[in-house]
Amino acid sequence: MNPKGNIWLAGGKRSVGKTHTAMEIAQEFFLRSKVPKRIIVFDHTNNSSYIPYGLMPLTVDDLYFLPQQERIRGIVRSDDIDGFAQVVTEQVECCSILFDDCGVLFRGNLTKQREKLLKTPKNNCNELIFQAHSFREIAPALLEQANMYIVKETVDDPLYLPTKVIARQQIGQLLIDVIRENFTLESNKKWATRIYDTEDDEVWVRDKQTGIFSIVPGEDYFPFSNKKRILT
């Protein structure tokens, strides 16, 4: 994980805790004492999942005037994704920015505003957190730029992920592991999660009892790693 800023891509079908995990990650950045990051949600679907979080209603124009030092937790309900992307690129720093149901917004060829947005996290110290129902629906540009993959159970076939998915062998294995774990959970608690750091080749595994993540090197986690193949 880059200490300056990252692009997170959370894949998961409905009711697997995708929004909850995305907000958990944003809250961790929000609460830390050193370089805390504000929270802004872009919600173009009027998603009721955000109601319990008590987020402050904001408009796209409000983002031009956010106090730099104030800890804000806000939500922008709008369908102006390009206007939002432009102001985030030009004005917003030190924020965790969640994009609800980004599969609709980031598929196919991207507009210039959306392309520029994907190049900003490290310069602006932002965490861009995109949520989608599957990995196959995401634009190649976003798949390429994402360095933190939040893997829930999706509608994807883990054995036949499209070639555009970066590190698809690793993502496919994580999808398999998530599905296996979900089979052991109650029907309303199928929240198995893995996080894959593509830059550091690390897997974050959540303990089912405590909810705390432990970090495992990819060479120790993946059965197809060189270490596993050669030394075992």
C-alpha atoms as a PDB file:
ATOM      1  CA  MET A   1       0.000   0.000   0.000  1.00  0.00           C
ATOM      2  CA  ASN A   2       1.404   3.355  -1.001  1.00  0.00           C
ATOM      3  CA  PRO A   3       1.716   5.720   2.023  1.00  0.00           C
ATOM      4  CA  LYS A   4       0.730   8.715  -0.135  1.00  0.00           C
ATOM      5  CA  GLY A   5      -2.436   7.455  -1.802  1.00  0.00           C
ATOM      6  CA  ASN A   6      -4.017   4.409  -3.431  1.00  0.00           C
ATOM      7  CA  ILE A   7      -6.719   3.198  -5.770  1.00  0.00           C
ATOM      8  CA  TRP A   8      -8.890   0.528  -4.170  1.00  0.00           C
ATOM      9  CA  LEU A   9     -11.241  -1.657  -6.200  1.00  0.00           C
ATOM     10  CA  ALA A  10     -13.880  -3.543  -4.222  1.00  0.00           C
ATOM     11  CA  GLY A  11     -15.605  -6.319  -6.144  1.00  0.00           C
ATOM     12  CA  GLY A  12     -18.649  -8.032  -4.678  1.00  0.00           C
ATOM     13  CA  LYS A  13     -22.258  -8.858  -5.431  1.00  0.00           C
ATOM     14  CA  ARG A  14     -25.085  -7.519  -3.287  1.00  0.00           C
ATOM     15  CA  SER A  15     -25.229  -8.301   0.437  1.00  0.00           C
ATOM     16  CA  VAL A  16     -21.595  -9.388   0.855  1.00  0.00           C
ATOM     17  CA  GLY A  17     -20.548  -6.339   2.897  1.00  0.00           C
ATOM     18  CA  LYS A  18     -18.847  -4.380   0.131  1.00  0.00           C
ATOM     19  CA  THR A  19     -20.010  -0.958   1.321  1.00  0.00           C
ATOM     20  CA  HIS A  20     -19.305  -1.849   4.941  1.00  0.00           C
ATOM     21  CA  THR A  21     -15.703  -2.828   4.198  1.00  0.00           C
ATOM     22  CA  ALA A  22     -15.146   0.258   2.014  1.00  0.00           C
ATOM     23  CA  MET A  23     -16.410   2.500   4.819  1.00  0.00           C
ATOM     24  CA  GLU A  24     -14.263   0.625   7.351  1.00  0.00           C
ATOM     25  CA  ILE A  25     -11.157   1.379   5.321  1.00  0.00           C
ATOM     26  CA  ALA A  26     -12.154   5.030   4.905  1.00  0.00           C
ATOM     27  CA  GLN A  27     -12.831   5.280   8.646  1.00  0.00           C
ATOM     28  CA  GLU A  28      -9.350   3.947   9.443  1.00  0.00           C
ATOM     29  CA  PHE A  29      -7.822   6.795   7.453  1.00  0.00           C
ATOM     30  CA  PHE A  30     -10.279   9.264   8.993  1.00  0.00           C
ATOM     31  CA  LEU A  31      -9.418   8.374  12.595  1.00  0.00           C
ATOM     32  CA  ARG A  32      -5.646   8.130  12.378  1.00  0.00           C
ATOM     33  CA  SER A  33      -3.717  10.829  14.209  1.00  0.00           C
ATOM     34  CA  LYS A  34      -1.090  11.405  11.520  1.00  0.00           C
ATOM     35  CA  VAL A  35      -2.377  12.860   8.231  1.00  0.00           C
ATOM     36  CA  PRO A  36      -6.052  11.954   8.745  1.00  0.00           C
ATOM     37  CA  LYS A  37      -8.159  11.783   5.588  1.00  0.00           C
ATOM     38  CA  ARG A  38     -11.682  13.112   5.259  1.00  0.00           C
ATOM     39  CA  ILE A  39     -14.452  10.950   3.776  1.00  0.00           C
ATOM     40  CA  ILE A  40     -16.494  11.820   0.697  1.00  0.00           C
ATOM     41  CA  VAL A  41     -18.964   9.396  -0.899  1.00  0.00           C
ATOM     42  CA  PHE A  42     -20.135   9.837  -4.490  1.00  0.00           C
ATOM     43  CA  ASP A  43     -23.562   8.203  -4.620  1.00  0.00           C
ATOM     44  CA  HIS A  44     -25.352   8.293  -7.976  1.00  0.00           C
ATOM     45  CA  THR A  45     -27.853   5.557  -7.027  1.00  0.00           C
ATOM     46  CA  ASN A  46     -29.312   7.014  -3.808  1.00  0.00           C
ATOM     47  CA  ASN A  47     -28.016   3.977  -1.939  1.00  0.00           C
ATOM     48  CA  SER A  48     -29.692   3.594   1.464  1.00  0.00           C
ATOM     49  CA  SER A  49     -26.650   1.674   2.777  1.00  0.00           C
ATOM     50  CA  TYR A  50     -24.982   4.994   3.640  1.00  0.00           C
ATOM     51  CA  ILE A  51     -27.796   6.288   5.860  1.00  0.00           C
ATOM     52  CA  PRO A  52     -26.457   4.720   9.109  1.00  0.00           C
ATOM     53  CA  TYR A  53     -23.141   6.554   8.726  1.00  0.00           C
ATOM     54  CA  GLY A  54     -24.606  10.020   9.278  1.00  0.00           C
ATOM     55  CA  LEU A  55     -22.785  11.607   6.339  1.00  0.00           C
ATOM     56  CA  MET A  56     -23.129  15.334   5.685  1.00  0.00           C
ATOM     57  CA  PRO A  57     -25.015  16.132   2.433  1.00  0.00           C
ATOM     58  CA  LEU A  58     -22.747  17.945  -0.040  1.00  0.00           C
ATOM     59  CA  THR A  59     -23.001  19.174  -3.608  1.00  0.00           C
ATOM     60  CA  VAL A  60     -20.287  18.998  -6.251  1.00  0.00           C
ATOM     61  CA  ASP A  61     -19.816  22.769  -5.911  1.00  0.00           C
ATOM     62  CA  ASP A  62     -19.372  22.449  -2.130  1.00  0.00           C
ATOM     63  CA  LEU A  63     -16.126  20.578  -2.753  1.00  0.00           C
ATOM     64  CA  TYR A  64     -14.462  23.791  -3.956  1.00  0.00           C
ATOM     65  CA  PHE A  65     -14.881  25.272  -0.476  1.00  0.00           C
ATOM     66  CA  LEU A  66     -14.113  22.424   1.901  1.00  0.00           C
ATOM     67  CA  PRO A  67     -12.044  23.641   4.873  1.00  0.00           C
ATOM     68  CA  GLN A  68      -8.652  21.987   4.477  1.00  0.00           C
ATOM     69  CA  GLN A  69      -8.142  21.171   8.146  1.00  0.00           C
ATOM     70  CA  GLU A  70     -11.681  20.157   9.098  1.00  0.00           C
ATOM     71  CA  ARG A  71     -12.540  16.477   9.475  1.00  0.00           C
ATOM     72  CA  ILE A  72     -15.533  16.085   7.185  1.00  0.00           C
ATOM     73  CA  ARG A  73     -17.572  12.975   6.454  1.00  0.00           C
ATOM     74  CA  GLY A  74     -19.866  13.855   3.558  1.00  0.00           C
ATOM     75  CA  ILE A  75     -21.893  12.416   0.712  1.00  0.00           C
ATOM     76  CA  VAL A  76     -22.524  13.841  -2.761  1.00  0.00           C
ATOM     77  CA  ARG A  77     -25.718  12.517  -4.332  1.00  0.00           C
ATOM     78  CA  SER A  78     -25.441  13.374  -8.013  1.00  0.00           C
ATOM     79  CA  ASP A  79     -25.167  11.858 -11.484  1.00  0.00           C
ATOM     80  CA  ASP A  80     -22.543  14.412 -12.579  1.00  0.00           C
ATOM     81  CA  ILE A  81     -19.591  12.043 -12.380  1.00  0.00           C
ATOM     82  CA  ASP A  82     -17.398  14.105 -14.722  1.00  0.00           C
ATOM     83  CA  GLY A  83     -18.013  17.297 -12.758  1.00  0.00           C
ATOM     84  CA  PHE A  84     -17.227  15.431  -9.556  1.00  0.00           C
ATOM     85  CA  ALA A  85     -14.088  13.856 -11.056  1.00  0.00           C
ATOM     86  CA  GLN A  86     -12.826  17.231 -12.231  1.00  0.00           C
ATOM     87  CA  VAL A  87     -13.216  18.984  -8.888  1.00  0.00           C
ATOM     88  CA  VAL A  88     -11.624  16.056  -7.044  1.00  0.00           C
ATOM     89  CA  THR A  89      -8.677  16.147  -9.444  1.00  0.00           C
ATOM     90  CA  GLU A  90      -8.202  19.904  -9.120  1.00  0.00           C
ATOM     91  CA  GLN A  91      -9.236  20.710  -5.540  1.00  0.00           C
ATOM     92  CA  VAL A  92      -9.568  17.752  -3.174  1.00  0.00           C
ATOM     93  CA  GLU A  93      -6.668  16.518  -1.063  1.00  0.00           C
ATOM     94  CA  CYS A  94      -6.248  14.122   1.863  1.00  0.00           C
ATOM     95  CA  CYS A  95      -9.579  12.390   1.412  1.00  0.00           C
ATOM     96  CA  SER A  96     -10.941   8.900   1.112  1.00  0.00           C
ATOM     97  CA  ILE A  97     -13.380   9.091  -1.789  1.00  0.00           C
ATOM     98  CA  LEU A  98     -15.872   6.270  -2.273  1.00  0.00           C
ATOM     99  CA  PHE A  99     -17.581   5.659  -5.603  1.00  0.00           C
ATOM    100  CA  ASP A 100     -20.780   3.649  -5.286  1.00  0.00           C
ATOM    101  CA  ASP A 101     -21.592   1.159  -8.079  1.00  0.00           C
ATOM    102  CA  CYS A 102     -18.700   2.302 -10.254  1.00  0.00           C
ATOM    103  CA  GLY A 103     -19.260  -0.462 -12.798  1.00  0.00           C
ATOM    104  CA  VAL A 104     -21.761   1.819 -14.508  1.00  0.00           C
ATOM    105  CA  LEU A 105     -19.437   4.832 -14.341  1.00  0.00           C
ATOM    106  CA  PHE A 106     -16.102   3.217 -15.197  1.00  0.00           C
ATOM    107  CA  ARG A 107     -16.643   0.836 -18.084  1.00  0.00           C
ATOM    108  CA  GLY A 108     -15.518   0.984 -21.695  1.00  0.00           C
ATOM    109  CA  ASN A 109     -13.642   4.076 -22.868  1.00  0.00           C
ATOM    110  CA  LEU A 110     -13.376   6.680 -20.121  1.00  0.00           C
ATOM    111  CA  THR A 111     -13.877  10.416 -20.474  1.00  0.00           C
ATOM    112  CA  LYS A 112     -10.865  12.696 -19.988  1.00  0.00           C
ATOM    113  CA  GLN A 113     -12.107  13.719 -16.536  1.00  0.00           C
ATOM    114  CA  ARG A 114     -12.305  10.120 -15.362  1.00  0.00           C
ATOM    115  CA  GLU A 115      -8.927   9.237 -16.838  1.00  0.00           C
ATOM    116  CA  LYS A 116      -7.292  12.201 -15.081  1.00  0.00           C
ATOM    117  CA  LEU A 117      -8.940  11.240 -11.784  1.00  0.00           C
ATOM    118  CA  LEU A 118      -7.232   7.850 -11.823  1.00  0.00           C
ATOM    119  CA  LYS A 119      -3.803   9.524 -11.987  1.00  0.00           C
ATOM    120  CA  THR A 120      -4.242  11.742  -8.919  1.00  0.00           C
ATOM    121  CA  PRO A 121      -4.171   9.687  -5.672  1.00  0.00           C
ATOM    122  CA  LYS A 122      -0.449   9.850  -4.928  1.00  0.00           C
ATOM    123  CA  ASN A 123      -0.154  13.548  -5.803  1.00  0.00           C
ATOM    124  CA  ASN A 124      -3.274  14.530  -3.852  1.00  0.00           C
ATOM    125  CA  CYS A 125      -2.848  12.050  -0.982  1.00  0.00           C
ATOM    126  CA  ASN A 126      -6.282  10.599  -1.712  1.00  0.00           C
ATOM    127  CA  GLU A 127      -7.654   7.105  -1.321  1.00  0.00           C
ATOM    128  CA  LEU A 128      -9.988   6.399  -4.241  1.00  0.00           C
ATOM    129  CA  ILE A 129     -12.261   3.472  -3.341  1.00  0.00           C
ATOM    130  CA  PHE A 130     -14.334   2.085  -6.206  1.00  0.00           C
ATOM    131  CA  GLN A 131     -17.113  -0.465  -5.685  1.00  0.00           C
ATOM    132  CA  ALA A 132     -18.462  -2.791  -8.376  1.00  0.00           C
ATOM    133  CA  HIS A 133     -20.494  -5.997  -8.563  1.00  0.00           C
ATOM    134  CA  SER A 134     -17.907  -7.807 -10.679  1.00  0.00           C
ATOM    135  CA  PHE A 135     -14.422  -7.348 -12.051  1.00  0.00           C
ATOM    136  CA  ARG A 136     -15.406  -8.091 -15.615  1.00  0.00           C
ATOM    137  CA  GLU A 137     -17.575  -4.969 -15.860  1.00  0.00           C
ATOM    138  CA  ILE A 138     -14.738  -2.572 -15.012  1.00  0.00           C
ATOM    139  CA  ALA A 139     -12.879  -0.474 -17.587  1.00  0.00           C
ATOM    140  CA  PRO A 140      -9.320  -1.679 -18.305  1.00  0.00           C
ATOM    141  CA  ALA A 141      -7.955   1.733 -17.262  1.00  0.00           C
ATOM    142  CA  LEU A 142      -9.326   1.356 -13.730  1.00  0.00           C
ATOM    143  CA  LEU A 143      -8.229  -2.284 -13.473  1.00  0.00           C
ATOM    144  CA  GLU A 144      -4.732  -1.236 -14.500  1.00  0.00           C
ATOM    145  CA  GLN A 145      -4.460   1.674 -12.074  1.00  0.00           C
ATOM    146  CA  ALA A 146      -5.912  -0.125  -9.026  1.00  0.00           C
ATOM    147  CA  ASN A 147      -3.245  -1.380  -6.633  1.00  0.00           C
ATOM    148  CA  MET A 148      -5.475  -2.529  -3.750  1.00  0.00           C
ATOM    149  CA  TYR A 149      -8.102  -5.122  -4.685  1.00  0.00           C
ATOM    150  CA  ILE A 150     -10.856  -5.810  -2.129  1.00  0.00           C
ATOM    151  CA  VAL A 151     -12.150  -9.257  -3.078  1.00  0.00           C
ATOM    152  CA  LYS A 152     -15.615 -10.357  -1.992  1.00  0.00           C
ATOM    153  CA  GLU A 153     -17.775 -13.020  -3.617  1.00  0.00           C
ATOM    154  CA  THR A 154     -18.742 -11.703  -7.051  1.00  0.00           C
ATOM    155  CA  VAL A 155     -20.738 -12.952 -10.016  1.00  0.00           C
ATOM    156  CA  ASP A 156     -17.450 -13.600 -11.859  1.00  0.00           C
ATOM    157  CA  ASP A 157     -16.284 -17.112 -12.689  1.00  0.00           C
ATOM    158  CA  PRO A 158     -12.916 -17.215 -10.867  1.00  0.00           C
ATOM    159  CA  LEU A 159     -11.532 -19.718 -13.371  1.00  0.00           C
ATOM    160  CA  TYR A 160     -12.372 -17.579 -16.404  1.00  0.00           C
ATOM    161  CA  LEU A 161     -11.654 -13.976 -15.516  1.00  0.00           C
ATOM    162  CA  PRO A 162     -11.149 -11.782 -18.590  1.00  0.00           C
ATOM    163  CA  THR A 163      -7.589 -11.023 -19.628  1.00  0.00           C
ATOM    164  CA  LYS A 164      -8.072  -7.340 -18.798  1.00  0.00           C
ATOM    165  CA  VAL A 165      -8.075  -8.177 -15.063  1.00  0.00           C
ATOM    166  CA  ILE A 166      -4.639  -7.389 -13.672  1.00  0.00           C
ATOM    167  CA  ALA A 167      -3.058 -10.260 -11.694  1.00  0.00           C
ATOM    168  CA  ARG A 168      -6.018 -12.399 -12.671  1.00  0.00           C
ATOM    169  CA  GLN A 169      -4.403 -15.610 -11.420  1.00  0.00           C
ATOM    170  CA  GLN A 170      -4.105 -14.102  -7.947  1.00  0.00           C
ATOM    171  CA  ILE A 171      -7.560 -12.493  -8.041  1.00  0.00           C
ATOM    172  CA  GLY A 172      -9.058 -15.761  -9.290  1.00  0.00           C
ATOM    173  CA  GLN A 173      -7.514 -17.688  -6.392  1.00  0.00           C
ATOM    174  CA  LEU A 174      -8.784 -15.120  -3.888  1.00  0.00           C
ATOM    175  CA  LEU A 175     -12.293 -15.391  -5.349  1.00  0.00           C
ATOM    176  CA  ILE A 176     -12.124 -19.179  -4.906  1.00  0.00           C
ATOM    177  CA  ASP A 177     -10.967 -18.801  -1.300  1.00  0.00           C
ATOM    178  CA  VAL A 178     -13.731 -16.293  -0.548  1.00  0.00           C
ATOM    179  CA  ILE A 179     -16.389 -18.612  -2.021  1.00  0.00           C
ATOM    180  CA  ARG A 180     -15.076 -21.534   0.023  1.00  0.00           C
ATOM    181  CA  GLU A 181     -15.132 -19.486   3.225  1.00  0.00           C
ATOM    182  CA  ASN A 182     -18.638 -18.213   2.533  1.00  0.00           C
ATOM    183  CA  PHE A 183     -19.905 -21.799   2.331  1.00  0.00           C
ATOM    184  CA  THR A 184     -19.020 -22.117   6.028  1.00  0.00           C
ATOM    185  CA  LEU A 185     -20.940 -18.964   7.027  1.00  0.00           C
ATOM    186  CA  GLU A 186     -24.599 -18.303   7.709  1.00  0.00           C
ATOM    187  CA  SER A 187     -26.713 -17.218   4.740  1.00  0.00           C
ATOM    188  CA  ASN A 188     -26.946 -13.624   5.970  1.00  0.00           C
ATOM    189  CA  LYS A 189     -23.259 -13.362   6.932  1.00  0.00           C
ATOM    190  CA  LYS A 190     -21.402 -14.323   3.767  1.00  0.00           C
ATOM    191  CA  TRP A 191     -18.906 -11.514   4.216  1.00  0.00           C
ATOM    192  CA  ALA A 192     -15.626 -13.326   3.493  1.00  0.00           C
ATOM    193  CA  THR A 193     -12.963 -10.847   2.397  1.00  0.00           C
ATOM    194  CA  ARG A 194      -9.453 -10.819   1.014  1.00  0.00           C
ATOM    195  CA  ILE A 195      -7.455  -7.720   0.091  1.00  0.00           C
ATOM    196  CA  TYR A 196      -4.637  -7.990  -2.412  1.00  0.00           C
ATOM    197  CA  ASP A 197      -1.857  -5.417  -2.582  1.00  0.00           C
ATOM    198  CA  THR A 198      -0.577  -5.813  -6.151  1.00  0.00           C
ATOM    199  CA  GLU A 199       2.464  -3.580  -5.620  1.00  0.00           C
ATOM    200  CA  ASP A 200       3.789  -5.389  -2.543  1.00  0.00           C
ATOM    201  CA  ASP A 201       2.340  -8.826  -3.440  1.00  0.00           C
ATOM    202  CA  GLU A 202       0.629  -9.162  -0.069  1.00  0.00           C
ATOM    203  CA  VAL A 203      -2.706 -10.704   0.885  1.00  0.00           C
ATOM    204  CA  TRP A 204      -4.757  -9.325   3.762  1.00  0.00           C
ATOM    205  CA  VAL A 205      -6.777 -12.101   5.401  1.00  0.00           C
ATOM    206  CA  ARG A 206      -9.591 -11.185   7.784  1.00  0.00           C
ATOM    207  CA  ASP A 207     -10.037 -13.303  10.905  1.00  0.00           C
ATOM    208  CA  LYS A 208     -13.644 -14.550  11.052  1.00  0.00           C
ATOM    209  CA  GLN A 209     -13.836 -14.098  14.822  1.00  0.00           C
ATOM    210  CA  THR A 210     -12.081 -10.774  15.465  1.00  0.00           C
ATOM    211  CA  GLY A 211     -12.497  -9.089  12.081  1.00  0.00           C
ATOM    212  CA  ILE A 212      -8.818  -8.080  12.199  1.00  0.00           C
ATOM    213  CA  PHE A 213      -6.706  -8.426   9.062  1.00  0.00           C
ATOM    214  CA  SER A 214      -3.378 -10.232   9.049  1.00  0.00           C
ATOM    215  CA  ILE A 215      -0.948  -9.750   6.158  1.00  0.00           C
ATOM    216  CA  VAL A 216       0.530 -12.753   4.359  1.00  0.00           C
ATOM    217  CA  PRO A 217       3.240 -12.482   1.668  1.00  0.00           C
ATOM    218  CA  GLY A 218       1.946 -13.651  -1.694  1.00  0.00           C
ATOM    219  CA  GLU A 219       4.758 -16.199  -1.953  1.00  0.00           C
ATOM    220  CA  ASP A 220       3.408 -17.875   1.199  1.00  0.00           C
ATOM    221  CA  TYR A 221      -0.275 -17.530   0.308  1.00  0.00           C
ATOM    222  CA  PHE A 222      -0.685 -18.517  -3.318  1.00  0.00           C
ATOM    223  CA  PRO A 223      -0.283 -22.243  -4.147  1.00  0.00           C
ATOM    224  CA  PHE A 224       1.188 -21.349  -7.546  1.00  0.00           C
ATOM    225  CA  SER A 225       3.934 -19.043  -6.207  1.00  0.00           C
ATOM    226  CA  ASN A 226       7.523 -19.928  -7.088  1.00  0.00           C
ATOM    227  CA  LYS A 227       8.272 -20.573  -3.420  1.00  0.00           C
ATOM    228  CA  LYS A 228       5.384 -23.028  -3.062  1.00  0.00           C
ATOM    229  CA  ARG A 229       6.072 -24.789  -6.360  1.00  0.00           C
ATOM    230  CA  ILE A 230       9.808 -25.179  -5.902  1.00  0.00           C
ATOM    231  CA  LEU A 231      10.222 -25.681  -2.151  1.00  0.00           C
ATOM    232  CA  THR A 232       7.256 -27.944  -1.415  1.00  0.00           C
END
